[in-house]
Amino acid sequence: MSEYTDNTANELADQALAEAEASGDEKIVDRIGEILGASSQSLEEAYLTAIRVRRAEKRARAMLAESVARRTAAAAAPADEPQQDGPTEIA
């Protein structure tokens, strides 16, 4: 694809996702894809790819942030307090 197509798709993806988050209207992302597809299948494909990439990146970054938070919390927990992984059996 052309550099123009990729740049335009990336720009539109950023704007659409920002508007979806600001407005709470996730369907705006799909509607823009439909508008693009009606005129340019190449631009629609590049846009949808850009959307998928950004959403995947967001999920991956959230998972990494959760992992860091768990490790930080575990490191900050006092070492002399027993940590329970599950219910303790009482005899």
C-alpha atoms as a PDB file:
ATOM      1  CA  MET A   1       0.000   0.000   0.000  1.00  0.00           C
ATOM      2  CA  SER A   2       1.076   3.529  -0.468  1.00  0.00           C
ATOM      3  CA  GLU A   3       2.591   5.624   2.246  1.00  0.00           C
ATOM      4  CA  TYR A   4      -0.340   8.036   1.888  1.00  0.00           C
ATOM      5  CA  THR A   5      -2.841   5.226   2.485  1.00  0.00           C
ATOM      6  CA  ASP A   6      -0.999   3.956   5.545  1.00  0.00           C
ATOM      7  CA  ASN A   7      -0.546   7.442   7.017  1.00  0.00           C
ATOM      8  CA  THR A   8      -4.190   8.315   6.425  1.00  0.00           C
ATOM      9  CA  ALA A   9      -5.394   5.018   7.911  1.00  0.00           C
ATOM     10  CA  ASN A  10      -3.206   5.486  10.986  1.00  0.00           C
ATOM     11  CA  GLU A  11      -4.399   9.052  11.478  1.00  0.00           C
ATOM     12  CA  LEU A  12      -8.057   8.067  11.109  1.00  0.00           C
ATOM     13  CA  ALA A  13      -7.610   5.114  13.484  1.00  0.00           C
ATOM     14  CA  ASP A  14      -6.105   7.379  16.145  1.00  0.00           C
ATOM     15  CA  GLN A  15      -8.904   9.909  15.756  1.00  0.00           C
ATOM     16  CA  ALA A  16     -11.670   7.290  15.687  1.00  0.00           C
ATOM     17  CA  LEU A  17     -10.433   5.500  18.799  1.00  0.00           C
ATOM     18  CA  ALA A  18     -10.001   8.807  20.627  1.00  0.00           C
ATOM     19  CA  GLU A  19     -13.531   9.863  19.694  1.00  0.00           C
ATOM     20  CA  ALA A  20     -14.936   6.460  20.668  1.00  0.00           C
ATOM     21  CA  GLU A  21     -13.315   6.774  24.086  1.00  0.00           C
ATOM     22  CA  ALA A  22     -14.375  10.401  24.569  1.00  0.00           C
ATOM     23  CA  SER A  23     -17.968   9.867  23.441  1.00  0.00           C
ATOM     24  CA  GLY A  24     -18.501   6.312  24.652  1.00  0.00           C
ATOM     25  CA  ASP A  25     -19.712   5.436  21.160  1.00  0.00           C
ATOM     26  CA  GLU A  26     -17.628   2.431  20.079  1.00  0.00           C
ATOM     27  CA  LYS A  27     -19.704   2.058  16.903  1.00  0.00           C
ATOM     28  CA  ILE A  28     -18.093   5.158  15.420  1.00  0.00           C
ATOM     29  CA  VAL A  29     -15.024   3.040  14.643  1.00  0.00           C
ATOM     30  CA  ASP A  30     -17.160   0.625  12.596  1.00  0.00           C
ATOM     31  CA  ARG A  31     -19.098   3.388  10.851  1.00  0.00           C
ATOM     32  CA  ILE A  32     -15.887   5.034   9.690  1.00  0.00           C
ATOM     33  CA  GLY A  33     -14.716   1.671   8.362  1.00  0.00           C
ATOM     34  CA  GLU A  34     -17.950   1.345   6.403  1.00  0.00           C
ATOM     35  CA  ILE A  35     -17.576   4.841   4.946  1.00  0.00           C
ATOM     36  CA  LEU A  36     -14.029   4.065   3.869  1.00  0.00           C
ATOM     37  CA  GLY A  37     -15.018   0.711   2.383  1.00  0.00           C
ATOM     38  CA  ALA A  38     -17.696   2.299   0.249  1.00  0.00           C
ATOM     39  CA  SER A  39     -15.065   4.328  -1.587  1.00  0.00           C
ATOM     40  CA  SER A  40     -11.701   2.649  -1.055  1.00  0.00           C
ATOM     41  CA  GLN A  41     -11.233  -0.960  -0.063  1.00  0.00           C
ATOM     42  CA  SER A  42      -7.480  -0.366   0.312  1.00  0.00           C
ATOM     43  CA  LEU A  43      -8.000   2.469   2.785  1.00  0.00           C
ATOM     44  CA  GLU A  44     -10.636   0.455   4.659  1.00  0.00           C
ATOM     45  CA  GLU A  45      -8.274  -2.519   5.040  1.00  0.00           C
ATOM     46  CA  ALA A  46      -5.408  -0.317   6.211  1.00  0.00           C
ATOM     47  CA  TYR A  47      -7.736   1.459   8.677  1.00  0.00           C
ATOM     48  CA  LEU A  48      -9.129  -1.797  10.108  1.00  0.00           C
ATOM     49  CA  THR A  49      -5.599  -3.157  10.467  1.00  0.00           C
ATOM     50  CA  ALA A  50      -4.542   0.023  12.273  1.00  0.00           C
ATOM     51  CA  ILE A  51      -7.533  -0.320  14.619  1.00  0.00           C
ATOM     52  CA  ARG A  52      -6.705  -3.972  15.395  1.00  0.00           C
ATOM     53  CA  VAL A  53      -3.052  -3.150  16.021  1.00  0.00           C
ATOM     54  CA  ARG A  54      -3.914  -0.334  18.438  1.00  0.00           C
ATOM     55  CA  ARG A  55      -6.451  -2.433  20.323  1.00  0.00           C
ATOM     56  CA  ALA A  56      -4.012  -5.335  20.590  1.00  0.00           C
ATOM     57  CA  GLU A  57      -1.313  -2.982  21.828  1.00  0.00           C
ATOM     58  CA  LYS A  58      -3.673  -1.565  24.450  1.00  0.00           C
ATOM     59  CA  ARG A  59      -4.526  -5.056  25.732  1.00  0.00           C
ATOM     60  CA  ALA A  60      -0.860  -6.064  25.823  1.00  0.00           C
ATOM     61  CA  ARG A  61       0.151  -2.917  27.695  1.00  0.00           C
ATOM     62  CA  ALA A  62      -2.668  -3.465  30.216  1.00  0.00           C
ATOM     63  CA  MET A  63      -1.476  -7.019  30.825  1.00  0.00           C
ATOM     64  CA  LEU A  64       2.091  -5.814  31.339  1.00  0.00           C
ATOM     65  CA  ALA A  65       0.921  -3.080  33.727  1.00  0.00           C
ATOM     66  CA  GLU A  66      -1.054  -5.658  35.750  1.00  0.00           C
ATOM     67  CA  SER A  67       2.000  -7.890  35.951  1.00  0.00           C
ATOM     68  CA  VAL A  68       4.172  -5.025  37.168  1.00  0.00           C
ATOM     69  CA  ALA A  69       1.545  -4.022  39.741  1.00  0.00           C
ATOM     70  CA  ARG A  70       1.335  -7.603  41.079  1.00  0.00           C
ATOM     71  CA  ARG A  71       5.119  -7.884  41.344  1.00  0.00           C
ATOM     72  CA  THR A  72       5.360  -4.487  43.028  1.00  0.00           C
ATOM     73  CA  ALA A  73       2.629  -5.393  45.515  1.00  0.00           C
ATOM     74  CA  ALA A  74       4.291  -8.728  46.253  1.00  0.00           C
ATOM     75  CA  ALA A  75       7.657  -7.064  46.797  1.00  0.00           C
ATOM     76  CA  ALA A  76       6.099  -4.465  49.105  1.00  0.00           C
ATOM     77  CA  ALA A  77       4.299  -7.077  51.246  1.00  0.00           C
ATOM     78  CA  PRO A  78       6.004  -7.645  54.600  1.00  0.00           C
ATOM     79  CA  ALA A  79       8.129 -10.780  54.449  1.00  0.00           C
ATOM     80  CA  ASP A  80       7.120 -11.966  57.937  1.00  0.00           C
ATOM     81  CA  GLU A  81       3.400 -12.124  57.114  1.00  0.00           C
ATOM     82  CA  PRO A  82       2.324 -15.491  55.695  1.00  0.00           C
ATOM     83  CA  GLN A  83       0.773 -15.188  52.277  1.00  0.00           C
ATOM     84  CA  GLN A  84      -2.251 -17.356  51.626  1.00  0.00           C
ATOM     85  CA  ASP A  85      -2.785 -18.855  48.229  1.00  0.00           C
ATOM     86  CA  GLY A  86      -6.146 -20.303  49.111  1.00  0.00           C
ATOM     87  CA  PRO A  87      -8.268 -21.516  51.999  1.00  0.00           C
ATOM     88  CA  THR A  88      -6.353 -22.934  54.938  1.00  0.00           C
ATOM     89  CA  GLU A  89      -7.420 -26.324  56.238  1.00  0.00           C
ATOM     90  CA  ILE A  90      -8.142 -26.395  59.963  1.00  0.00           C
ATOM     91  CA  ALA A  91      -7.920 -29.783  61.670  1.00  0.00           C
END
